[in-house]
Amino acid sequence: MSEAWSLELYCIGSPILEFRFYVSEDDVCYVVAKYDYAAQGAQELDLRKNERYLLLDDSKHWWRVQNARSQSGYVPSNYVKKEKPSLFDR
């Protein structure tokens, strides 16, 4: 199953451009917090131990994640671990 996302750009009340893209569940990755973490700046996100987060970017030592309230920010990569998908999740 795929999840659809769309973005529309408006010019004086009329849509001028619309993008739609689909994300396969196979492409979605989650991480679980190993420790609590208190954000030190506006670009960071608080972590709560054992909570699950959507992984948005894992290209550096600071990973960008999104919590269940759709808030996103950077967290230290060594404070989270990638969740291994279960066979029952597919």
PDB file of N, CA and C in Angstrom:
ATOM      1  N   MET A   1       0.839  -1.170   0.000  1.00  0.00           N
ATOM      2  CA  MET A   1       0.000   0.000   0.000  1.00  0.00           C
ATOM      3  C   MET A   1       0.885   1.233   0.000  1.00  0.00           C
ATOM      4  N   SER A   2       0.484   2.264  -0.704  1.00  0.00           N
ATOM      5  CA  SER A   2       1.238   3.504  -0.794  1.00  0.00           C
ATOM      6  C   SER A   2       0.505   4.616  -0.080  1.00  0.00           C
ATOM      7  N   GLU A   3       1.277   5.590   0.329  1.00  0.00           N
ATOM      8  CA  GLU A   3       0.694   6.773   0.944  1.00  0.00           C
ATOM      9  C   GLU A   3       0.896   7.926  -0.025  1.00  0.00           C
ATOM     10  N   ALA A   4      -0.158   8.656  -0.320  1.00  0.00           N
ATOM     11  CA  ALA A   4      -0.077   9.754  -1.279  1.00  0.00           C
ATOM     12  C   ALA A   4       0.198  11.059  -0.557  1.00  0.00           C
ATOM     13  N   TRP A   5       1.027  11.863  -1.146  1.00  0.00           N
ATOM     14  CA  TRP A   5       1.329  13.196  -0.640  1.00  0.00           C
ATOM     15  C   TRP A   5       1.106  14.163  -1.789  1.00  0.00           C
ATOM     16  N   SER A   6       0.622  15.340  -1.495  1.00  0.00           N
ATOM     17  CA  SER A   6       0.456  16.318  -2.566  1.00  0.00           C
ATOM     18  C   SER A   6       0.850  17.698  -2.075  1.00  0.00           C
ATOM     19  N   LEU A   7       1.225  18.537  -2.996  1.00  0.00           N
ATOM     20  CA  LEU A   7       1.607  19.911  -2.725  1.00  0.00           C
ATOM     21  C   LEU A   7       0.994  20.763  -3.814  1.00  0.00           C
ATOM     22  N   GLU A   8       0.282  21.800  -3.428  1.00  0.00           N
ATOM     23  CA  GLU A   8      -0.325  22.699  -4.399  1.00  0.00           C
ATOM     24  C   GLU A   8       0.202  24.106  -4.175  1.00  0.00           C
ATOM     25  N   LEU A   9       0.523  24.795  -5.260  1.00  0.00           N
ATOM     26  CA  LEU A   9       0.948  26.186  -5.199  1.00  0.00           C
ATOM     27  C   LEU A   9      -0.178  27.052  -5.743  1.00  0.00           C
ATOM     28  N   TYR A  10      -0.473  28.123  -5.023  1.00  0.00           N
ATOM     29  CA  TYR A  10      -1.574  28.998  -5.407  1.00  0.00           C
ATOM     30  C   TYR A  10      -1.060  30.380  -5.782  1.00  0.00           C
ATOM     31  N   CYS A  11      -1.749  30.997  -6.719  1.00  0.00           N
ATOM     32  CA  CYS A  11      -1.490  32.379  -7.105  1.00  0.00           C
ATOM     33  C   CYS A  11      -2.819  33.111  -7.068  1.00  0.00           C
ATOM     34  N   ILE A  12      -3.002  33.970  -6.107  1.00  0.00           N
ATOM     35  CA  ILE A  12      -4.227  34.744  -5.908  1.00  0.00           C
ATOM     36  C   ILE A  12      -5.455  33.836  -5.927  1.00  0.00           C
ATOM     37  N   GLY A  13      -5.415  32.805  -5.095  1.00  0.00           N
ATOM     38  CA  GLY A  13      -6.578  31.948  -4.900  1.00  0.00           C
ATOM     39  C   GLY A  13      -6.773  30.829  -5.900  1.00  0.00           C
ATOM     40  N   SER A  14      -6.020  30.804  -6.979  1.00  0.00           N
ATOM     41  CA  SER A  14      -6.173  29.746  -7.985  1.00  0.00           C
ATOM     42  C   SER A  14      -4.943  28.845  -7.984  1.00  0.00           C
ATOM     43  N   PRO A  15      -5.154  27.529  -8.011  1.00  0.00           N
ATOM     44  CA  PRO A  15      -3.986  26.650  -8.064  1.00  0.00           C
ATOM     45  C   PRO A  15      -3.257  26.803  -9.391  1.00  0.00           C
ATOM     46  N   ILE A  16      -1.932  26.965  -9.317  1.00  0.00           N
ATOM     47  CA  ILE A  16      -1.153  27.100 -10.546  1.00  0.00           C
ATOM     48  C   ILE A  16      -0.272  25.883 -10.805  1.00  0.00           C
ATOM     49  N   LEU A  17      -0.005  25.117  -9.756  1.00  0.00           N
ATOM     50  CA  LEU A  17       0.866  23.968  -9.912  1.00  0.00           C
ATOM     51  C   LEU A  17       0.555  22.966  -8.813  1.00  0.00           C
ATOM     52  N   GLU A  18       0.529  21.694  -9.159  1.00  0.00           N
ATOM     53  CA  GLU A  18       0.262  20.657  -8.169  1.00  0.00           C
ATOM     54  C   GLU A  18       1.231  19.504  -8.378  1.00  0.00           C
ATOM     55  N   PHE A  19       1.850  19.069  -7.290  1.00  0.00           N
ATOM     56  CA  PHE A  19       2.744  17.917  -7.310  1.00  0.00           C
ATOM     57  C   PHE A  19       2.097  16.805  -6.503  1.00  0.00           C
ATOM     58  N   ARG A  20       2.205  15.597  -6.980  1.00  0.00           N
ATOM     59  CA  ARG A  20       1.767  14.427  -6.217  1.00  0.00           C
ATOM     60  C   ARG A  20       2.871  13.392  -6.286  1.00  0.00           C
ATOM     61  N   PHE A  21       3.149  12.809  -5.157  1.00  0.00           N
ATOM     62  CA  PHE A  21       4.107  11.721  -5.151  1.00  0.00           C
ATOM     63  C   PHE A  21       3.643  10.671  -4.165  1.00  0.00           C
ATOM     64  N   TYR A  22       4.116   9.474  -4.367  1.00  0.00           N
ATOM     65  CA  TYR A  22       3.686   8.335  -3.571  1.00  0.00           C
ATOM     66  C   TYR A  22       4.892   7.706  -2.889  1.00  0.00           C
ATOM     67  N   VAL A  23       4.696   7.349  -1.650  1.00  0.00           N
ATOM     68  CA  VAL A  23       5.742   6.698  -0.876  1.00  0.00           C
ATOM     69  C   VAL A  23       5.272   5.289  -0.561  1.00  0.00           C
ATOM     70  N   SER A  24       6.042   4.326  -0.989  1.00  0.00           N
ATOM     71  CA  SER A  24       5.725   2.933  -0.706  1.00  0.00           C
ATOM     72  C   SER A  24       6.068   2.636   0.747  1.00  0.00           C
ATOM     73  N   GLU A  25       5.294   1.761   1.372  1.00  0.00           N
ATOM     74  CA  GLU A  25       5.591   1.370   2.753  1.00  0.00           C
ATOM     75  C   GLU A  25       6.961   0.725   2.855  1.00  0.00           C
ATOM     76  N   ASP A  26       7.437   0.132   1.762  1.00  0.00           N
ATOM     77  CA  ASP A  26       8.764  -0.481   1.764  1.00  0.00           C
ATOM     78  C   ASP A  26       9.869   0.565   1.889  1.00  0.00           C
ATOM     79  N   ASP A  27       9.578   1.805   1.512  1.00  0.00           N
ATOM     80  CA  ASP A  27      10.562   2.878   1.559  1.00  0.00           C
ATOM     81  C   ASP A  27      10.550   3.633   2.884  1.00  0.00           C
ATOM     82  N   VAL A  28       9.613   3.333   3.761  1.00  0.00           N
ATOM     83  CA  VAL A  28       9.478   4.037   5.029  1.00  0.00           C
ATOM     84  C   VAL A  28      10.314   3.325   6.084  1.00  0.00           C
ATOM     85  N   CYS A  29      11.060   4.104   6.860  1.00  0.00           N
ATOM     86  CA  CYS A  29      11.897   3.538   7.914  1.00  0.00           C
ATOM     87  C   CYS A  29      11.604   4.262   9.224  1.00  0.00           C
ATOM     88  N   TYR A  30      11.547   3.496  10.286  1.00  0.00           N
ATOM     89  CA  TYR A  30      11.321   4.064  11.615  1.00  0.00           C
ATOM     90  C   TYR A  30      12.532   3.807  12.492  1.00  0.00           C
ATOM     91  N   VAL A  31      12.704   4.683  13.473  1.00  0.00           N
ATOM     92  CA  VAL A  31      13.729   4.497  14.490  1.00  0.00           C
ATOM     93  C   VAL A  31      13.061   4.522  15.854  1.00  0.00           C
ATOM     94  N   VAL A  32      13.727   3.927  16.826  1.00  0.00           N
ATOM     95  CA  VAL A  32      13.251   3.923  18.206  1.00  0.00           C
ATOM     96  C   VAL A  32      14.322   4.592  19.057  1.00  0.00           C
ATOM     97  N   ALA A  33      13.901   5.484  19.938  1.00  0.00           N
ATOM     98  CA  ALA A  33      14.848   6.189  20.799  1.00  0.00           C
ATOM     99  C   ALA A  33      15.420   5.244  21.848  1.00  0.00           C
ATOM    100  N   LYS A  34      16.744   5.218  21.947  1.00  0.00           N
ATOM    101  CA  LYS A  34      17.410   4.404  22.964  1.00  0.00           C
ATOM    102  C   LYS A  34      17.485   5.146  24.299  1.00  0.00           C
ATOM    103  N   TYR A  35      17.449   6.474  24.225  1.00  0.00           N
ATOM    104  CA  TYR A  35      17.577   7.320  25.414  1.00  0.00           C
ATOM    105  C   TYR A  35      16.668   8.536  25.268  1.00  0.00           C
ATOM    106  N   ASP A  36      16.390   9.209  26.364  1.00  0.00           N
ATOM    107  CA  ASP A  36      15.761  10.524  26.309  1.00  0.00           C
ATOM    108  C   ASP A  36      16.796  11.517  25.798  1.00  0.00           C
ATOM    109  N   TYR A  37      16.327  12.547  25.093  1.00  0.00           N
ATOM    110  CA  TYR A  37      17.211  13.612  24.627  1.00  0.00           C
ATOM    111  C   TYR A  37      16.433  14.912  24.652  1.00  0.00           C
ATOM    112  N   ALA A  38      17.010  15.934  25.252  1.00  0.00           N
ATOM    113  CA  ALA A  38      16.394  17.263  25.285  1.00  0.00           C
ATOM    114  C   ALA A  38      17.015  18.111  24.186  1.00  0.00           C
ATOM    115  N   ALA A  39      16.183  18.604  23.282  1.00  0.00           N
ATOM    116  CA  ALA A  39      16.654  19.429  22.171  1.00  0.00           C
ATOM    117  C   ALA A  39      17.433  20.629  22.699  1.00  0.00           C
ATOM    118  N   GLN A  40      18.546  20.944  22.035  1.00  0.00           N
ATOM    119  CA  GLN A  40      19.407  22.056  22.441  1.00  0.00           C
ATOM    120  C   GLN A  40      19.211  23.293  21.566  1.00  0.00           C
ATOM    121  N   GLY A  41      18.391  23.184  20.537  1.00  0.00           N
ATOM    122  CA  GLY A  41      18.166  24.305  19.632  1.00  0.00           C
ATOM    123  C   GLY A  41      16.890  24.108  18.837  1.00  0.00           C
ATOM    124  N   ALA A  42      16.523  25.122  18.072  1.00  0.00           N
ATOM    125  CA  ALA A  42      15.261  25.114  17.320  1.00  0.00           C
ATOM    126  C   ALA A  42      15.223  24.049  16.224  1.00  0.00           C
ATOM    127  N   GLN A  43      16.385  23.629  15.715  1.00  0.00           N
ATOM    128  CA  GLN A  43      16.433  22.636  14.637  1.00  0.00           C
ATOM    129  C   GLN A  43      16.381  21.200  15.157  1.00  0.00           C
ATOM    130  N   GLU A  44      16.469  21.041  16.471  1.00  0.00           N
ATOM    131  CA  GLU A  44      16.502  19.708  17.070  1.00  0.00           C
ATOM    132  C   GLU A  44      15.128  19.305  17.593  1.00  0.00           C
ATOM    133  N   LEU A  45      14.986  18.023  17.922  1.00  0.00           N
ATOM    134  CA  LEU A  45      13.725  17.475  18.406  1.00  0.00           C
ATOM    135  C   LEU A  45      13.980  16.678  19.679  1.00  0.00           C
ATOM    136  N   ASP A  46      13.096  16.821  20.663  1.00  0.00           N
ATOM    137  CA  ASP A  46      13.186  16.020  21.884  1.00  0.00           C
ATOM    138  C   ASP A  46      12.932  14.554  21.558  1.00  0.00           C
ATOM    139  N   LEU A  47      13.651  13.678  22.236  1.00  0.00           N
ATOM    140  CA  LEU A  47      13.417  12.240  22.125  1.00  0.00           C
ATOM    141  C   LEU A  47      12.938  11.708  23.460  1.00  0.00           C
ATOM    142  N   ARG A  48      12.070  10.718  23.396  1.00  0.00           N
ATOM    143  CA  ARG A  48      11.622  10.000  24.586  1.00  0.00           C
ATOM    144  C   ARG A  48      11.987   8.530  24.400  1.00  0.00           C
ATOM    145  N   LYS A  49      12.675   7.979  25.381  1.00  0.00           N
ATOM    146  CA  LYS A  49      13.138   6.595  25.303  1.00  0.00           C
ATOM    147  C   LYS A  49      11.994   5.654  24.934  1.00  0.00           C
ATOM    148  N   ASN A  50      12.267   4.756  24.004  1.00  0.00           N
ATOM    149  CA  ASN A  50      11.347   3.727  23.495  1.00  0.00           C
ATOM    150  C   ASN A  50      10.245   4.260  22.584  1.00  0.00           C
ATOM    151  N   GLU A  51      10.202   5.571  22.314  1.00  0.00           N
ATOM    152  CA  GLU A  51       9.217   6.091  21.356  1.00  0.00           C
ATOM    153  C   GLU A  51       9.717   5.850  19.945  1.00  0.00           C
ATOM    154  N   ARG A  52       8.770   5.714  19.038  1.00  0.00           N
ATOM    155  CA  ARG A  52       9.037   5.428  17.626  1.00  0.00           C
ATOM    156  C   ARG A  52       8.935   6.729  16.829  1.00  0.00           C
ATOM    157  N   TYR A  53       9.872   6.924  15.887  1.00  0.00           N
ATOM    158  CA  TYR A  53       9.930   8.132  15.064  1.00  0.00           C
ATOM    159  C   TYR A  53      10.115   7.736  13.604  1.00  0.00           C
ATOM    160  N   LEU A  54       9.521   8.513  12.724  1.00  0.00           N
ATOM    161  CA  LEU A  54       9.710   8.317  11.291  1.00  0.00           C
ATOM    162  C   LEU A  54      11.065   8.903  10.911  1.00  0.00           C
ATOM    163  N   LEU A  55      11.884   8.132  10.231  1.00  0.00           N
ATOM    164  CA  LEU A  55      13.204   8.594   9.809  1.00  0.00           C
ATOM    165  C   LEU A  55      13.077   9.338   8.483  1.00  0.00           C
ATOM    166  N   LEU A  56      13.473  10.600   8.480  1.00  0.00           N
ATOM    167  CA  LEU A  56      13.384  11.425   7.279  1.00  0.00           C
ATOM    168  C   LEU A  56      14.722  11.543   6.558  1.00  0.00           C
ATOM    169  N   ASP A  57      15.830  11.545   7.315  1.00  0.00           N
ATOM    170  CA  ASP A  57      17.157  11.704   6.716  1.00  0.00           C
ATOM    171  C   ASP A  57      18.198  11.091   7.647  1.00  0.00           C
ATOM    172  N   ASP A  58      18.975  10.160   7.128  1.00  0.00           N
ATOM    173  CA  ASP A  58      20.019   9.533   7.939  1.00  0.00           C
ATOM    174  C   ASP A  58      21.392   9.689   7.297  1.00  0.00           C
ATOM    175  N   SER A  59      21.604  10.792   6.609  1.00  0.00           N
ATOM    176  CA  SER A  59      22.829  10.971   5.844  1.00  0.00           C
ATOM    177  C   SER A  59      24.012  11.498   6.660  1.00  0.00           C
ATOM    178  N   LYS A  60      23.794  11.915   7.895  1.00  0.00           N
ATOM    179  CA  LYS A  60      24.883  12.474   8.695  1.00  0.00           C
ATOM    180  C   LYS A  60      24.831  11.921  10.110  1.00  0.00           C
ATOM    181  N   HIS A  61      25.643  12.474  10.992  1.00  0.00           N
ATOM    182  CA  HIS A  61      25.647  12.046  12.394  1.00  0.00           C
ATOM    183  C   HIS A  61      24.399  12.515  13.129  1.00  0.00           C
ATOM    184  N   TRP A  62      23.742  13.506  12.589  1.00  0.00           N
ATOM    185  CA  TRP A  62      22.475  13.989  13.142  1.00  0.00           C
ATOM    186  C   TRP A  62      21.385  13.599  12.163  1.00  0.00           C
ATOM    187  N   TRP A  63      20.451  12.781  12.627  1.00  0.00           N
ATOM    188  CA  TRP A  63      19.380  12.303  11.763  1.00  0.00           C
ATOM    189  C   TRP A  63      18.143  13.153  11.960  1.00  0.00           C
ATOM    190  N   ARG A  64      17.426  13.389  10.870  1.00  0.00           N
ATOM    191  CA  ARG A  64      16.168  14.138  10.941  1.00  0.00           C
ATOM    192  C   ARG A  64      15.032  13.131  11.078  1.00  0.00           C
ATOM    193  N   VAL A  65      14.212  13.330  12.108  1.00  0.00           N
ATOM    194  CA  VAL A  65      13.105  12.417  12.393  1.00  0.00           C
ATOM    195  C   VAL A  65      11.820  13.209  12.605  1.00  0.00           C
ATOM    196  N   GLN A  66      10.713  12.494  12.578  1.00  0.00           N
ATOM    197  CA  GLN A  66       9.397  13.104  12.814  1.00  0.00           C
ATOM    198  C   GLN A  66       8.683  12.297  13.881  1.00  0.00           C
ATOM    199  N   ASN A  67       8.092  13.002  14.848  1.00  0.00           N
ATOM    200  CA  ASN A  67       7.374  12.302  15.919  1.00  0.00           C
ATOM    201  C   ASN A  67       5.910  12.087  15.544  1.00  0.00           C
ATOM    202  N   ALA A  68       5.149  11.492  16.435  1.00  0.00           N
ATOM    203  CA  ALA A  68       3.742  11.167  16.175  1.00  0.00           C
ATOM    204  C   ALA A  68       2.869  12.413  16.039  1.00  0.00           C
ATOM    205  N   ARG A  69       3.371  13.562  16.491  1.00  0.00           N
ATOM    206  CA  ARG A  69       2.620  14.823  16.380  1.00  0.00           C
ATOM    207  C   ARG A  69       3.037  15.622  15.144  1.00  0.00           C
ATOM    208  N   SER A  70       3.742  14.966  14.225  1.00  0.00           N
ATOM    209  CA  SER A  70       4.212  15.548  12.962  1.00  0.00           C
ATOM    210  C   SER A  70       5.239  16.657  13.150  1.00  0.00           C
ATOM    211  N   GLN A  71       5.879  16.720  14.306  1.00  0.00           N
ATOM    212  CA  GLN A  71       6.977  17.661  14.526  1.00  0.00           C
ATOM    213  C   GLN A  71       8.259  16.977  14.071  1.00  0.00           C
ATOM    214  N   SER A  72       9.131  17.724  13.406  1.00  0.00           N
ATOM    215  CA  SER A  72      10.374  17.122  12.938  1.00  0.00           C
ATOM    216  C   SER A  72      11.568  17.949  13.386  1.00  0.00           C
ATOM    217  N   GLY A  73      12.708  17.283  13.450  1.00  0.00           N
ATOM    218  CA  GLY A  73      13.944  17.944  13.833  1.00  0.00           C
ATOM    219  C   GLY A  73      15.080  16.944  13.857  1.00  0.00           C
ATOM    220  N   TYR A  74      16.267  17.448  14.178  1.00  0.00           N
ATOM    221  CA  TYR A  74      17.464  16.617  14.187  1.00  0.00           C
ATOM    222  C   TYR A  74      17.720  16.045  15.572  1.00  0.00           C
ATOM    223  N   VAL A  75      18.223  14.807  15.582  1.00  0.00           N
ATOM    224  CA  VAL A  75      18.574  14.112  16.820  1.00  0.00           C
ATOM    225  C   VAL A  75      19.928  13.430  16.607  1.00  0.00           C
ATOM    226  N   PRO A  76      20.691  13.216  17.687  1.00  0.00           N
ATOM    227  CA  PRO A  76      21.966  12.505  17.524  1.00  0.00           C
ATOM    228  C   PRO A  76      21.708  11.066  17.065  1.00  0.00           C
ATOM    229  N   SER A  77      22.400  10.641  16.031  1.00  0.00           N
ATOM    230  CA  SER A  77      22.145   9.308  15.466  1.00  0.00           C
ATOM    231  C   SER A  77      22.441   8.183  16.453  1.00  0.00           C
ATOM    232  N   ASN A  78      23.328   8.420  17.410  1.00  0.00           N
ATOM    233  CA  ASN A  78      23.643   7.364  18.375  1.00  0.00           C
ATOM    234  C   ASN A  78      22.598   7.265  19.494  1.00  0.00           C
ATOM    235  N   TYR A  79      21.572   8.117  19.475  1.00  0.00           N
ATOM    236  CA  TYR A  79      20.481   8.057  20.455  1.00  0.00           C
ATOM    237  C   TYR A  79      19.284   7.264  19.935  1.00  0.00           C
ATOM    238  N   VAL A  80      19.342   6.841  18.671  1.00  0.00           N
ATOM    239  CA  VAL A  80      18.235   6.089  18.080  1.00  0.00           C
ATOM    240  C   VAL A  80      18.779   4.843  17.384  1.00  0.00           C
ATOM    241  N   LYS A  81      17.892   3.872  17.171  1.00  0.00           N
ATOM    242  CA  LYS A  81      18.274   2.685  16.399  1.00  0.00           C
ATOM    243  C   LYS A  81      17.186   2.425  15.371  1.00  0.00           C
ATOM    244  N   LYS A  82      17.618   1.991  14.191  1.00  0.00           N
ATOM    245  CA  LYS A  82      16.653   1.673  13.141  1.00  0.00           C
ATOM    246  C   LYS A  82      15.839   0.467  13.559  1.00  0.00           C
ATOM    247  N   GLU A  83      14.551   0.562  13.300  1.00  0.00           N
ATOM    248  CA  GLU A  83      13.639  -0.525  13.632  1.00  0.00           C
ATOM    249  C   GLU A  83      13.654  -1.528  12.496  1.00  0.00           C
ATOM    250  N   LYS A  84      13.831  -2.775  12.828  1.00  0.00           N
ATOM    251  CA  LYS A  84      13.802  -3.823  11.811  1.00  0.00           C
ATOM    252  C   LYS A  84      12.353  -4.189  11.542  1.00  0.00           C
ATOM    253  N   PRO A  85      11.933  -4.143  10.278  1.00  0.00           N
ATOM    254  CA  PRO A  85      10.543  -4.494   9.974  1.00  0.00           C
ATOM    255  C   PRO A  85      10.261  -5.963  10.258  1.00  0.00           C
ATOM    256  N   SER A  86       9.124  -6.215  10.807  1.00  0.00           N
ATOM    257  CA  SER A  86       8.678  -7.577  11.079  1.00  0.00           C
ATOM    258  C   SER A  86       8.074  -8.164   9.813  1.00  0.00           C
ATOM    259  N   LEU A  87       8.116  -9.466   9.681  1.00  0.00           N
ATOM    260  CA  LEU A  87       7.463 -10.115   8.543  1.00  0.00           C
ATOM    261  C   LEU A  87       5.965  -9.865   8.559  1.00  0.00           C
ATOM    262  N   PHE A  88       5.406  -9.650   9.742  1.00  0.00           N
ATOM    263  CA  PHE A  88       3.968  -9.416   9.864  1.00  0.00           C
ATOM    264  C   PHE A  88       3.577  -8.005   9.454  1.00  0.00           C
ATOM    265  N   ASP A  89       4.549  -7.085   9.353  1.00  0.00           N
ATOM    266  CA  ASP A  89       4.275  -5.707   8.960  1.00  0.00           C
ATOM    267  C   ASP A  89       4.134  -5.568   7.453  1.00  0.00           C
ATOM    268  N   ARG A  90       4.499  -6.567   6.705  1.00  0.00           N
ATOM    269  CA  ARG A  90       4.484  -6.451   5.243  1.00  0.00           C
ATOM    270  C   ARG A  90       3.192  -6.918   4.654  1.00  0.00           C
TER     271      ARG A  90
END
